[in-house]
Amino acid sequence: MPPYKIDLLLQSTIDTLVMVGVSALFVFFFGLILALILVTTDRQGIFAAPKVNALLGFVINTTRSIPFLILMVALIPLTRLIVGTSYGIWAAVVPLTIAAIPFFARIAEVSLREVDSTIIEAAQSLGSNRPRVIWHVLIPEALPGLVAGFTVTIVTMINSSAIAGAIGAGGLGDLAYRYGYQRFDGQMMLAVIVVLVIIVMVVQFLGDTLSRSLSH
């Protein structure tokens, strides 16, 4: 592969990592908050509020049902408002984040619901208030599952970033589209696929390792 193609591949890889990495920070923070609200406002939750729970669940399910490509196009006005452009890696951060937050929220919700209710009841009987139960009991107990779920979310975001790249967001998806598809460059297409596979495998390995270590 010519040096200029290697440079393009390296820069596109960095762009993809930045795009996904920045989005992932927002996704973990806001997705976890939504999951906590879903769990704690349930009928049996410590902040029981069924109407709030139902409304939030409806919003999350609606957002999750929209295909990423359609969501990305629909969010162009919002993207321009936030970052000033609808092209490039920073523009892709907005739809990537909005698409992945409800996805991670549902995964995190499952992990939080798996926490033994007797542990929560024991903490409350010992005098822990509800915020303390959340931050010192619920989240620590669910942490291995949260890490595993976040790993799956990041892998999904990497796949979505490739789609975003193909319509002007930059990164490996853009490189594959411009060279692999438009110029019929099989070598570049194969290189992009290999890099994406390596990134996913590394993310999955690190996530699985961390999740197992937290389980002990």
Protein backbone atom coordinates (compact mmCIF):
# COMPACT_ATOMS: atom_id res chain seq x y z
CA MET A 1 0.00 0.00 0.00
CA PRO A 2 1.41 3.44 -0.95
CA PRO A 3 2.52 5.71 1.91
CA TYR A 4 -0.22 8.26 1.22
CA LYS A 5 -2.86 5.56 1.64
CA ILE A 6 -1.31 4.47 4.92
CA ASP A 7 -1.45 8.08 6.10
CA LEU A 8 -5.10 8.30 5.08
CA LEU A 9 -5.88 5.06 6.90
CA LEU A 10 -4.08 6.24 10.05
CA GLN A 11 -5.83 9.62 10.07
CA SER A 12 -9.22 8.02 9.42
CA THR A 13 -8.63 5.58 12.27
CA ILE A 14 -7.82 8.46 14.63
CA ASP A 15 -10.93 10.32 13.45
CA THR A 16 -13.10 7.28 14.15
CA LEU A 17 -11.59 6.78 17.61
CA VAL A 18 -12.15 10.46 18.48
CA MET A 19 -15.69 10.39 17.11
CA VAL A 20 -16.65 7.28 19.06
CA GLY A 21 -14.62 8.15 22.16
CA VAL A 22 -16.16 11.58 22.69
CA SER A 23 -19.66 10.25 22.01
CA ALA A 24 -19.09 7.34 24.41
CA LEU A 25 -18.37 9.71 27.32
CA PHE A 26 -21.74 11.43 26.87
CA VAL A 27 -23.50 8.12 26.29
CA PHE A 28 -22.24 6.55 29.51
CA PHE A 29 -23.13 9.58 31.63
CA PHE A 30 -26.59 10.33 30.24
CA GLY A 31 -27.46 6.69 29.52
CA LEU A 32 -26.71 5.71 33.11
CA ILE A 33 -28.81 8.60 34.43
CA LEU A 34 -31.76 7.54 32.28
CA ALA A 35 -31.36 3.93 33.42
CA LEU A 36 -31.33 5.00 37.06
CA ILE A 37 -34.48 7.05 36.53
CA LEU A 38 -36.19 4.10 34.84
CA VAL A 39 -35.31 1.73 37.68
CA THR A 40 -35.95 4.03 40.62
CA THR A 41 -39.27 5.43 39.29
CA ASP A 42 -40.74 2.00 38.67
CA ARG A 43 -43.76 0.98 40.79
CA GLN A 44 -41.45 -0.90 43.15
CA GLY A 45 -38.64 1.65 42.87
CA ILE A 46 -37.30 3.81 45.67
CA PHE A 47 -38.61 6.94 43.89
CA ALA A 48 -41.81 5.35 42.57
CA ALA A 49 -43.38 7.54 39.87
CA PRO A 50 -45.17 5.31 37.31
CA LYS A 51 -46.24 8.19 35.05
CA VAL A 52 -42.70 9.55 34.78
CA ASN A 53 -41.45 6.03 34.17
CA ALA A 54 -43.98 5.38 31.41
CA LEU A 55 -43.28 8.70 29.67
CA LEU A 56 -39.51 8.21 29.77
CA GLY A 57 -39.86 4.63 28.57
CA PHE A 58 -41.97 5.82 25.63
CA VAL A 59 -39.39 8.44 24.62
CA ILE A 60 -36.54 5.94 24.85
CA ASN A 61 -38.38 3.27 22.86
CA THR A 62 -39.36 5.79 20.18
CA THR A 63 -35.78 6.99 19.75
CA ARG A 64 -34.45 3.44 19.64
CA SER A 65 -36.89 2.49 16.90
CA ILE A 66 -35.52 5.07 14.44
CA PRO A 67 -32.77 3.68 12.15
CA PHE A 68 -29.47 5.48 12.67
CA LEU A 69 -29.18 6.76 9.11
CA ILE A 70 -32.66 8.35 9.25
CA LEU A 71 -31.99 9.76 12.72
CA MET A 72 -28.71 11.29 11.57
CA VAL A 73 -30.40 13.07 8.66
CA ALA A 74 -33.30 14.23 10.85
CA LEU A 75 -30.88 15.70 13.38
CA ILE A 76 -28.95 17.81 10.85
CA PRO A 77 -30.58 21.10 12.03
CA LEU A 78 -29.78 20.28 15.66
CA THR A 79 -26.26 19.22 14.72
CA ARG A 80 -25.66 22.51 12.93
CA LEU A 81 -27.02 24.40 15.92
CA ILE A 82 -24.69 22.62 18.36
CA VAL A 83 -21.44 22.29 16.42
CA GLY A 84 -21.98 24.75 13.55
CA THR A 85 -21.75 22.18 10.75
CA SER A 86 -23.33 18.96 9.53
CA TYR A 87 -20.09 17.47 8.19
CA GLY A 88 -17.01 16.05 9.84
CA ILE A 89 -16.31 14.00 12.95
CA TRP A 90 -17.66 16.58 15.41
CA ALA A 91 -20.94 16.74 13.56
CA ALA A 92 -21.18 12.95 13.85
CA VAL A 93 -20.82 13.11 17.63
CA VAL A 94 -24.34 14.56 18.00
CA PRO A 95 -26.35 11.80 16.24
CA LEU A 96 -24.02 9.08 17.53
CA THR A 97 -24.64 10.23 21.08
CA ILE A 98 -28.39 10.67 20.73
CA ALA A 99 -28.77 7.28 19.05
CA ALA A 100 -26.64 5.40 21.59
CA ILE A 101 -27.97 6.95 24.82
CA PRO A 102 -31.34 5.12 24.76
CA PHE A 103 -29.62 1.92 23.62
CA PHE A 104 -27.24 1.97 26.59
CA ALA A 105 -30.00 3.14 28.94
CA ARG A 106 -31.99 -0.04 28.29
CA ILE A 107 -28.93 -2.26 28.68
CA ALA A 108 -27.93 -0.50 31.90
CA GLU A 109 -31.51 -0.77 33.15
CA VAL A 110 -31.32 -4.56 32.89
CA SER A 111 -28.07 -4.63 34.89
CA LEU A 112 -29.49 -2.35 37.58
CA ARG A 113 -32.66 -4.45 37.90
CA GLU A 114 -30.56 -7.57 38.48
CA VAL A 115 -29.25 -6.16 41.77
CA ASP A 116 -30.71 -8.21 44.63
CA SER A 117 -33.52 -6.20 46.22
CA THR A 118 -32.61 -7.58 49.66
CA ILE A 119 -29.29 -5.73 49.47
CA ILE A 120 -31.12 -2.46 48.83
CA GLU A 121 -33.58 -3.16 51.62
CA ALA A 122 -30.72 -3.97 53.99
CA ALA A 123 -29.01 -0.66 53.18
CA GLN A 124 -32.23 1.23 53.79
CA SER A 125 -32.82 -0.56 57.09
CA LEU A 126 -29.35 0.53 58.20
CA GLY A 127 -30.33 4.16 57.67
CA SER A 128 -29.03 4.88 54.17
CA ASN A 129 -31.09 7.51 52.38
CA ARG A 130 -32.21 6.96 48.80
CA PRO A 131 -29.40 8.87 47.02
CA ARG A 132 -26.84 6.98 49.09
CA VAL A 133 -28.49 3.67 48.20
CA ILE A 134 -28.16 4.57 44.51
CA TRP A 135 -24.51 5.66 44.55
CA HIS A 136 -23.15 3.27 47.17
CA VAL A 137 -25.24 0.14 46.64
CA LEU A 138 -27.13 0.03 43.35
CA ILE A 139 -24.41 1.23 40.98
CA PRO A 140 -21.47 -0.67 42.59
CA GLU A 141 -23.45 -3.92 42.62
CA ALA A 142 -24.44 -3.50 38.97
CA LEU A 143 -21.02 -2.29 37.80
CA PRO A 144 -19.83 -5.52 36.09
CA GLY A 145 -23.03 -5.65 34.05
CA LEU A 146 -22.83 -1.94 33.30
CA VAL A 147 -19.30 -2.33 31.95
CA ALA A 148 -20.31 -5.32 29.82
CA GLY A 149 -23.31 -3.42 28.47
CA PHE A 150 -21.24 -0.33 27.76
CA THR A 151 -18.78 -2.49 25.82
CA VAL A 152 -21.61 -3.73 23.60
CA THR A 153 -22.76 -0.13 23.17
CA ILE A 154 -19.32 1.05 22.06
CA VAL A 155 -19.11 -1.76 19.49
CA THR A 156 -22.52 -0.70 18.15
CA MET A 157 -21.31 2.91 18.01
CA ILE A 158 -18.25 1.87 15.99
CA ASN A 159 -20.58 0.26 13.46
CA SER A 160 -22.76 3.38 13.38
CA SER A 161 -19.69 5.61 12.93
CA ALA A 162 -18.90 3.75 9.73
CA ILE A 163 -22.40 4.53 8.45
CA ALA A 164 -21.98 8.17 9.49
CA GLY A 165 -18.64 8.32 7.70
CA ALA A 166 -20.20 7.17 4.47
CA ILE A 167 -22.42 10.29 4.36
CA GLY A 168 -19.82 12.91 5.21
CA ALA A 169 -18.82 12.41 8.85
CA GLY A 170 -15.26 11.35 8.11
CA GLY A 171 -13.41 8.45 9.67
CA LEU A 172 -13.06 4.91 8.37
CA GLY A 173 -16.55 4.83 6.89
CA ASP A 174 -15.77 7.84 4.73
CA LEU A 175 -12.48 6.31 3.62
CA ALA A 176 -14.15 3.03 2.69
CA TYR A 177 -16.83 4.85 0.73
CA ARG A 178 -14.52 7.22 -1.17
CA TYR A 179 -11.85 4.68 -2.02
CA GLY A 180 -13.38 1.24 -1.62
CA TYR A 181 -16.73 2.03 -3.24
CA GLN A 182 -16.33 5.08 -5.50
CA ARG A 183 -12.83 4.18 -6.75
CA PHE A 184 -13.21 0.39 -6.59
CA ASP A 185 -10.09 0.17 -4.41
CA GLY A 186 -10.33 -3.32 -2.94
CA GLN A 187 -7.04 -2.95 -1.09
CA MET A 188 -8.24 0.09 0.83
CA MET A 189 -11.63 -1.50 1.54
CA LEU A 190 -9.92 -4.59 2.96
CA ALA A 191 -7.60 -2.43 5.07
CA VAL A 192 -10.56 -0.53 6.53
CA ILE A 193 -12.35 -3.78 7.37
CA VAL A 194 -9.25 -5.17 9.08
CA VAL A 195 -8.79 -2.01 11.15
CA LEU A 196 -12.45 -1.99 12.20
CA VAL A 197 -12.27 -5.65 13.21
CA ILE A 198 -9.13 -5.00 15.25
CA ILE A 199 -10.71 -2.01 17.01
CA VAL A 200 -13.84 -4.01 17.88
CA MET A 201 -11.80 -6.97 19.12
CA VAL A 202 -9.64 -4.74 21.33
CA VAL A 203 -12.67 -2.93 22.77
CA GLN A 204 -14.45 -6.23 23.44
CA PHE A 205 -11.37 -7.76 25.08
CA LEU A 206 -10.79 -4.75 27.33
CA GLY A 207 -14.47 -4.56 28.27
CA ASP A 208 -14.72 -8.28 29.05
CA THR A 209 -11.52 -8.18 31.09
CA LEU A 210 -12.67 -5.20 33.14
CA SER A 211 -16.12 -6.70 33.69
CA ARG A 212 -14.65 -9.98 34.93
CA SER A 213 -12.25 -8.19 37.26
CA LEU A 214 -15.12 -6.20 38.80
CA SER A 215 -17.10 -9.40 39.35
CA HIS A 216 -14.52 -10.80 41.75
